[in-house]
Protein backbone atom coordinates (compact mmCIF):
# COMPACT_ATOMS: atom_id res chain seq x y z
CA MET A 1 -11.76 24.72 4.47
CA ALA A 2 -12.93 21.09 4.33
CA LYS A 3 -15.63 19.79 6.62
CA ARG A 4 -14.38 17.50 9.36
CA GLY A 5 -14.81 13.78 8.89
CA ASN A 6 -15.29 11.14 11.54
CA PRO A 7 -11.93 9.44 12.23
CA VAL A 8 -13.47 7.17 14.84
CA GLY A 9 -16.00 5.81 12.36
CA GLU A 10 -15.50 2.86 10.08
CA ARG A 11 -11.95 1.66 9.73
CA ILE A 12 -10.00 2.38 6.58
CA SER A 13 -8.65 -0.63 4.69
CA GLU A 14 -5.05 -0.89 3.51
CA ALA A 15 -6.11 -0.09 -0.06
CA GLU A 16 -8.17 2.89 1.09
CA TYR A 17 -5.21 4.06 3.15
CA ALA A 18 -3.06 4.13 -0.02
CA VAL A 19 -5.61 6.51 -1.55
CA MET A 20 -5.67 8.62 1.62
CA GLU A 21 -1.87 8.93 1.49
CA VAL A 22 -2.14 10.42 -2.00
CA LEU A 23 -4.83 12.87 -0.90
CA TRP A 24 -2.93 13.83 2.26
CA ASP A 25 0.10 14.56 0.13
CA LYS A 26 -1.83 16.82 -2.27
CA SER A 27 -5.46 17.70 -2.70
CA PRO A 28 -7.92 18.26 -4.13
CA LEU A 29 -7.38 15.65 -6.83
CA SER A 30 -9.56 13.96 -9.42
CA ALA A 31 -9.90 10.18 -9.58
CA ALA A 32 -7.59 10.26 -12.61
CA ASP A 33 -4.98 12.19 -10.61
CA VAL A 34 -5.17 9.63 -7.80
CA CYS A 35 -4.88 6.81 -10.33
CA ASP A 36 -1.78 8.46 -11.81
CA LYS A 37 -0.16 8.23 -8.35
CA VAL A 38 -1.14 4.67 -7.34
CA CYS A 39 -2.46 2.56 -10.22
CA ALA A 40 0.83 1.45 -11.77
CA ALA A 41 2.51 0.59 -8.46
CA ARG A 42 -0.48 -1.39 -7.21
CA ASP A 43 -1.69 -2.82 -10.51
CA TRP A 44 -5.03 -1.04 -10.11
CA THR A 45 -7.41 0.33 -12.72
CA MET A 46 -9.45 3.53 -12.73
CA PRO A 47 -12.62 1.66 -11.63
CA THR A 48 -10.71 0.37 -8.59
CA VAL A 49 -9.71 3.90 -7.61
CA LYS A 50 -13.25 5.17 -8.11
CA THR A 51 -14.60 2.35 -5.93
CA LEU A 52 -12.10 3.15 -3.17
CA LEU A 53 -12.88 6.86 -3.37
CA GLY A 54 -16.59 6.06 -3.14
CA ARG A 55 -16.01 3.96 -0.02
CA LEU A 56 -13.95 6.73 1.56
CA VAL A 57 -16.68 9.27 0.83
CA ALA A 58 -19.25 6.93 2.41
CA LYS A 59 -17.01 6.60 5.49
CA GLN A 60 -16.75 10.40 5.70
CA ALA A 61 -12.96 10.22 5.40
CA VAL A 62 -12.99 11.99 2.01
CA GLY A 63 -15.15 14.76 0.60
CA SER A 64 -15.93 15.40 -3.04
CA GLU A 65 -16.93 18.42 -5.05
CA PRO A 66 -18.11 18.45 -8.64
CA LEU A 67 -15.97 20.24 -11.19
CA GLY A 68 -17.55 20.04 -14.62
CA ARG A 69 -17.90 16.35 -15.51
CA LYS A 70 -15.53 15.13 -12.82
CA PHE A 71 -15.20 15.27 -9.05
CA LEU A 72 -12.35 16.58 -6.95
CA TYR A 73 -11.56 14.67 -3.75
CA HIS A 74 -10.02 15.93 -0.52
CA PRO A 75 -9.45 14.39 2.91
CA LEU A 76 -11.90 15.25 5.67
CA ILE A 77 -9.61 13.92 8.39
CA GLU A 78 -6.02 14.85 9.11
CA ARG A 79 -3.31 12.21 8.78
CA SER A 80 -2.18 12.81 12.38
CA GLU A 81 -5.75 12.43 13.64
CA TYR A 82 -6.18 9.13 11.82
CA VAL A 83 -2.79 7.80 12.98
CA GLY A 84 -3.72 8.72 16.55
CA VAL A 85 -7.02 6.85 16.41
CA GLU A 86 -5.47 3.77 14.78
CA SER A 87 -2.56 3.77 17.24
CA ARG A 88 -4.98 3.84 20.14
CA ARG A 89 -6.99 0.99 18.59
CA LEU A 90 -3.82 -1.08 18.19
CA VAL A 91 -2.71 -0.52 21.78
CA ASP A 92 -6.21 -1.22 23.10
CA ARG A 93 -6.68 -4.37 21.04
CA LEU A 94 -3.25 -5.98 21.38
CA PHE A 95 -1.84 -4.58 24.62
CA GLY A 96 -4.82 -4.04 26.91
CA GLY A 97 -4.71 -0.28 26.45
CA ARG A 98 -1.16 0.05 27.78
CA ALA A 99 1.69 1.41 25.65
CA ALA A 100 4.53 0.01 27.79
CA PRO A 101 3.96 -3.62 26.68
CA LEU A 102 4.04 -2.44 23.06
CA PHE A 103 7.48 -0.89 23.53
CA ALA A 104 8.65 -3.96 25.45
CA HIS A 105 7.50 -6.19 22.60
CA LEU A 106 9.28 -4.05 20.01
CA ALA A 107 12.47 -3.96 22.09
CA GLU A 108 12.43 -7.73 22.72
CA ASN A 109 12.04 -8.41 19.01
CA GLU A 110 14.82 -5.98 18.07
CA ALA A 111 12.37 -3.86 16.09
CA LEU A 112 13.72 -0.63 17.59
CA SER A 113 16.91 0.87 16.19
CA ASP A 114 19.30 2.97 18.25
CA LYS A 115 17.82 6.02 16.52
CA ASP A 116 14.31 4.91 17.54
CA LEU A 117 15.45 4.50 21.15
CA ASP A 118 17.09 7.94 21.13
CA GLU A 119 13.87 9.50 19.80
CA ILE A 120 11.75 7.70 22.42
CA GLU A 121 14.10 8.81 25.20
CA ALA A 122 13.97 12.42 23.98
CA LEU A 123 10.17 12.28 23.79
CA LEU A 124 9.95 10.90 27.32
CA ARG A 125 12.26 13.63 28.63
CA GLU A 126 10.12 16.27 26.93
CA MET A 127 6.90 14.80 28.29
CA ARG A 128 8.21 14.85 31.87
CA ARG A 129 9.04 18.58 31.76
């Protein structure tokens, strides 16, 4: 099993997050495997992917293990753990640590669909049990 990373550490950039999504979907992967998944869509090159992987290793979000002449990369943090930390940061930074103003903002700007509202209502009912 992979060692645990530090999800509260340095923030992950949007580009690094794209690499994390690939690794969360399937791992371990080589840099070439990651490039196969993201390079064409993002107009990236292999050196770009290697740079991003290096940054993620330095941030302890990704681990690497040598395999012959290449390295295999795997996430050290779970997607749900990262989403939780980033969600908390967003609420803290933009809404004073309160989730209610976030929902009010989304509702006022019609960013919530009927399906979203149904899911939120079901979640609230479950939480109150």
